[in-house]
């Protein structure tokens, strides 16, 4: 009986999650590589972080939790490899392709997402970069998700009214794709990790990742592969994906 008590949960877990350990990559050529990274507002090495991200070979690099002092270092370090960039508040996008029509998307009073269009060789690509507020834990109040949930609702409303076509949604959502608060976002997009990644793709915390809260979501694009990059000086791991138009 004791053995059965151990085996039954194990078999059930394996049946549900076992496929996660398989390489789900679609294979074939990719047209575009993208990275998103919460760089941490207390990052002690912005230059090293920027160099590591540029070395990934990604054409598009989304950064979250930018601060004004660190922003100058990211701009200088990435200028040679990614000459085009756009920043709104604490989020930014660096690109090897020209960017146009950049605008902010208000999420909560102190935080906005970024929307821009990248002029890729295969045509225009709409890109969103978002950082939803953190889940807070307070004495007596427990988990507080109100700000994050409000921001998720406003992001979903923006996406619902956005033009159709090839679209990337990148960033730190402070939630997994299983969280129902993201349902109105994820029902319009596919997760590159879930479609084409190997393993769980956990991104936080960097020292011992237990959750995937940093995401690359796509519409009208085919994920070819998805993975996490080596740790930087941030408390998050960068996540990457290769895509085909």
Protein backbone atom coordinates (compact mmCIF):
# COMPACT_ATOMS: atom_id res chain seq x y z
CA UNK A 1 0.00 0.00 0.00
CA UNK A 2 2.83 2.39 0.80
CA UNK A 3 4.38 1.79 -2.62
CA UNK A 4 1.05 2.41 -4.32
CA UNK A 5 0.63 5.63 -2.38
CA UNK A 6 3.95 6.85 -3.81
CA UNK A 7 3.55 5.51 -7.35
CA UNK A 8 0.03 6.77 -8.04
CA UNK A 9 0.86 10.50 -7.65
CA UNK A 10 4.10 9.99 -9.56
CA UNK A 11 2.38 8.31 -12.48
CA UNK A 12 -0.34 10.96 -12.52
CA UNK A 13 2.24 13.78 -12.48
CA UNK A 14 4.21 12.12 -15.28
CA UNK A 15 1.09 11.72 -17.39
CA UNK A 16 0.30 15.42 -17.05
CA UNK A 17 3.78 16.93 -17.24
CA UNK A 18 5.97 14.27 -18.79
CA UNK A 19 5.76 15.83 -22.24
CA UNK A 20 7.31 18.98 -20.86
CA UNK A 21 10.72 17.31 -20.82
CA UNK A 22 10.56 16.49 -24.53
CA UNK A 23 12.02 18.87 -27.10
CA UNK A 24 8.93 20.32 -28.77
CA UNK A 25 10.87 22.40 -31.31
CA UNK A 26 9.25 22.60 -34.73
CA UNK A 27 12.60 22.33 -36.52
CA UNK A 28 13.49 23.97 -39.79
CA UNK A 29 14.76 27.47 -40.45
CA UNK A 30 13.93 30.51 -38.34
CA UNK A 31 13.59 34.09 -39.55
CA UNK A 32 13.85 35.89 -36.23
CA UNK A 33 15.33 35.45 -32.76
CA UNK A 34 13.94 37.43 -29.83
CA UNK A 35 14.91 37.79 -26.18
CA UNK A 36 13.10 39.29 -23.22
CA UNK A 37 14.74 39.99 -19.86
CA UNK A 38 13.76 41.65 -16.62
CA UNK A 39 17.17 43.16 -15.98
CA UNK A 40 16.44 44.03 -12.29
CA UNK A 41 16.42 47.63 -11.14
CA UNK A 42 19.24 46.76 -8.71
CA UNK A 43 21.39 45.05 -11.34
CA UNK A 44 25.04 45.78 -10.43
CA UNK A 45 26.34 45.06 -13.95
CA UNK A 46 24.16 46.56 -16.72
CA UNK A 47 27.07 46.54 -19.18
CA UNK A 48 27.77 42.84 -18.68
CA UNK A 49 24.06 42.07 -18.91
CA UNK A 50 23.71 44.00 -22.17
CA UNK A 51 26.75 42.30 -23.67
CA UNK A 52 25.41 38.85 -22.78
CA UNK A 53 22.05 39.60 -24.40
CA UNK A 54 23.67 41.00 -27.55
CA UNK A 55 25.82 37.86 -27.79
CA UNK A 56 22.64 35.77 -28.07
CA UNK A 57 22.30 36.90 -31.68
CA UNK A 58 18.72 38.08 -31.16
CA UNK A 59 17.46 40.75 -33.55
CA UNK A 60 14.96 42.01 -30.94
CA UNK A 61 15.81 42.43 -27.25
CA UNK A 62 13.11 43.53 -24.81
CA UNK A 63 14.17 44.84 -21.41
CA UNK A 64 12.03 45.41 -18.33
CA UNK A 65 12.69 47.17 -15.01
CA UNK A 66 14.94 49.80 -16.55
CA UNK A 67 16.13 52.65 -14.36
CA UNK A 68 17.38 56.02 -15.55
CA UNK A 69 21.02 55.56 -14.47
CA UNK A 70 21.22 52.07 -15.99
CA UNK A 71 19.40 53.07 -19.18
CA UNK A 72 22.38 55.10 -20.36
CA UNK A 73 24.61 52.04 -19.99
CA UNK A 74 22.23 49.80 -21.92
CA UNK A 75 21.96 52.38 -24.68
CA UNK A 76 25.73 52.77 -25.05
CA UNK A 77 26.48 49.05 -24.86
CA UNK A 78 23.80 47.96 -27.35
CA UNK A 79 24.23 50.85 -29.79
CA UNK A 80 26.68 48.98 -32.02
CA UNK A 81 24.71 45.76 -32.41
CA UNK A 82 21.15 47.11 -32.04
CA UNK A 83 21.13 50.67 -33.40
CA UNK A 84 17.36 51.17 -33.06
CA UNK A 85 15.60 51.33 -29.73
CA UNK A 86 12.47 52.64 -28.06
CA UNK A 87 11.82 53.16 -24.36
CA UNK A 88 8.60 53.94 -22.50
CA UNK A 89 8.94 54.27 -18.74
CA UNK A 90 10.72 51.20 -17.41
CA UNK A 91 10.41 48.99 -20.53
CA UNK A 92 12.34 49.13 -23.79
CA UNK A 93 13.04 47.36 -27.05
CA UNK A 94 16.39 47.23 -28.85
CA UNK A 95 16.36 46.18 -32.49
CA UNK A 96 18.54 45.55 -35.50
CA UNK A 97 15.56 46.74 -37.57
CA UNK A 98 14.08 50.25 -37.73
CA UNK A 99 11.24 50.96 -35.31
CA UNK A 100 8.31 53.28 -35.91
CA UNK A 101 5.03 54.43 -34.36
CA UNK A 102 6.17 53.79 -30.78
CA UNK A 103 3.57 54.55 -28.13
CA UNK A 104 2.93 53.89 -24.48
CA UNK A 105 0.02 51.75 -23.28
CA UNK A 106 -1.04 52.78 -19.73
CA UNK A 107 -1.43 49.79 -17.42
CA UNK A 108 -1.51 51.35 -13.95
CA UNK A 109 -0.71 54.98 -13.00
CA UNK A 110 3.01 54.30 -12.51
CA UNK A 111 3.62 51.81 -15.30
CA UNK A 112 3.02 51.57 -19.06
CA UNK A 113 3.63 48.95 -21.70
CA UNK A 114 5.33 49.80 -25.00
CA UNK A 115 3.90 49.25 -28.47
CA UNK A 116 6.00 49.68 -31.61
CA UNK A 117 6.40 48.38 -35.15
CA UNK A 118 9.61 46.74 -36.31
CA UNK A 119 10.32 47.00 -40.03
CA UNK A 120 11.70 43.50 -40.60
CA UNK A 121 12.82 42.17 -44.01
CA UNK A 122 9.63 40.09 -44.06
CA UNK A 123 7.37 43.06 -43.43
CA UNK A 124 6.11 45.02 -40.42
CA UNK A 125 5.90 43.28 -37.06
CA UNK A 126 3.95 44.71 -34.13
CA UNK A 127 5.81 44.34 -30.84
CA UNK A 128 4.52 44.89 -27.31
CA UNK A 129 6.79 44.96 -24.27
CA UNK A 130 5.04 44.78 -20.90
CA UNK A 131 5.90 44.49 -17.23
CA UNK A 132 2.90 43.83 -15.01
CA UNK A 133 3.10 44.82 -11.33
CA UNK A 134 4.35 42.30 -8.82
CA UNK A 135 2.20 40.20 -6.53
CA UNK A 136 2.63 41.62 -3.03
CA UNK A 137 2.55 39.81 0.30
CA UNK A 138 1.41 41.78 3.34
CA UNK A 139 0.96 40.94 7.00
CA UNK A 140 -2.71 40.30 7.54
CA UNK A 141 -3.61 40.81 3.89
CA UNK A 142 -1.80 37.82 2.37
CA UNK A 143 -1.24 37.87 -1.39
CA UNK A 144 -2.28 41.15 -3.02
CA UNK A 145 -2.84 40.88 -6.77
CA UNK A 146 -5.08 43.88 -7.46
CA UNK A 147 -2.54 46.02 -9.30
CA UNK A 148 -1.31 43.13 -11.42
CA UNK A 149 -4.84 42.08 -12.29
CA UNK A 150 -5.84 45.64 -13.22
CA UNK A 151 -2.79 45.94 -15.49
CA UNK A 152 -3.54 42.57 -17.10
CA UNK A 153 -7.08 43.71 -17.86
CA UNK A 154 -5.88 46.91 -19.52
CA UNK A 155 -3.30 45.02 -21.54
CA UNK A 156 -5.97 42.56 -22.69
CA UNK A 157 -8.20 45.45 -23.74
CA UNK A 158 -5.36 46.98 -25.77
CA UNK A 159 -4.66 43.67 -27.50
CA UNK A 160 -8.35 43.14 -28.27
CA UNK A 161 -8.48 46.43 -30.18
CA UNK A 162 -5.09 46.05 -31.88
CA UNK A 163 -4.90 45.43 -35.63
CA UNK A 164 -4.64 41.83 -36.77
CA UNK A 165 -1.37 40.49 -38.13
CA UNK A 166 2.00 39.30 -36.93
CA UNK A 167 2.46 40.35 -33.34
CA UNK A 168 4.92 39.71 -30.51
CA UNK A 169 4.09 40.18 -26.84
CA UNK A 170 7.20 40.13 -24.65
CA UNK A 171 7.82 40.75 -20.99
CA UNK A 172 7.53 39.94 -17.32
CA UNK A 173 3.89 39.31 -16.46
CA UNK A 174 4.44 38.27 -12.84
CA UNK A 175 2.16 35.33 -13.61
CA UNK A 176 2.38 32.02 -15.41
CA UNK A 177 0.31 31.34 -18.51
CA UNK A 178 -1.84 29.04 -16.36
CA UNK A 179 -2.93 31.98 -14.21
CA UNK A 180 -6.53 32.82 -15.08
CA UNK A 181 -5.76 36.54 -14.82
CA UNK A 182 -3.91 36.17 -18.15
CA UNK A 183 -6.70 34.26 -19.88
CA UNK A 184 -7.86 37.27 -21.92
CA UNK A 185 -4.26 37.81 -23.05
CA UNK A 186 -3.20 34.27 -23.78
CA UNK A 187 -6.36 33.33 -25.69
CA UNK A 188 -5.13 35.61 -28.50
CA UNK A 189 -1.50 34.42 -28.46
CA UNK A 190 0.60 31.28 -28.26
CA UNK A 191 3.48 30.81 -25.86
CA UNK A 192 6.74 30.10 -27.69
CA UNK A 193 7.92 28.01 -24.75
CA UNK A 194 4.77 25.90 -24.63
CA UNK A 195 4.76 25.35 -28.39
CA UNK A 196 8.45 24.81 -29.11
CA UNK A 197 10.46 24.81 -25.87
CA UNK A 198 12.26 22.00 -24.10
CA UNK A 199 11.64 21.67 -20.37
CA UNK A 200 9.66 24.04 -18.19
CA UNK A 201 11.46 27.23 -19.19
CA UNK A 202 11.40 28.54 -15.62
CA UNK A 203 12.80 32.07 -15.42
CA UNK A 204 12.49 33.16 -11.78
CA UNK A 205 14.25 33.38 -9.43
CA UNK A 206 17.50 33.11 -11.36
CA UNK A 207 19.42 31.20 -8.69
CA UNK A 208 16.83 28.44 -8.44
CA UNK A 209 14.05 28.97 -11.01
CA UNK A 210 10.67 27.58 -10.00
CA UNK A 211 8.25 29.58 -12.19
CA UNK A 212 7.98 30.91 -15.74
CA UNK A 213 6.74 34.47 -15.36
CA UNK A 214 8.74 35.93 -18.27
CA UNK A 215 7.11 35.23 -21.61
CA UNK A 216 7.41 35.37 -25.38
CA UNK A 217 3.92 35.17 -26.85
CA UNK A 218 3.22 35.21 -30.57
CA UNK A 219 0.40 35.68 -33.05
CA UNK A 220 0.67 34.70 -36.73
CA UNK A 221 4.24 33.50 -36.16
CA UNK A 222 5.52 29.93 -35.78
CA UNK A 223 7.77 29.21 -32.80
CA UNK A 224 10.71 27.07 -33.92
CA UNK A 225 12.46 26.78 -30.55
CA UNK A 226 12.48 28.43 -27.12
CA UNK A 227 14.94 28.37 -24.24
CA UNK A 228 16.38 30.24 -21.27
CA UNK A 229 19.73 32.00 -21.50
CA UNK A 230 22.47 31.79 -18.84
CA UNK A 231 22.04 33.95 -15.77
CA UNK A 232 23.11 37.59 -15.80
CA UNK A 233 23.39 39.84 -12.74
CA UNK A 234 19.57 40.01 -12.64
CA UNK A 235 17.24 38.03 -10.39
CA UNK A 236 15.46 36.75 -13.55
CA UNK A 237 16.80 34.55 -16.35
CA UNK A 238 16.55 35.90 -19.90
CA UNK A 239 14.22 33.90 -22.15
CA UNK A 240 14.65 33.50 -25.90
CA UNK A 241 12.81 32.10 -28.91
CA UNK A 242 13.45 31.60 -32.59
CA UNK A 243 10.46 32.20 -34.85
CA UNK A 244 9.38 31.69 -38.42
CA UNK A 245 7.08 34.05 -40.28
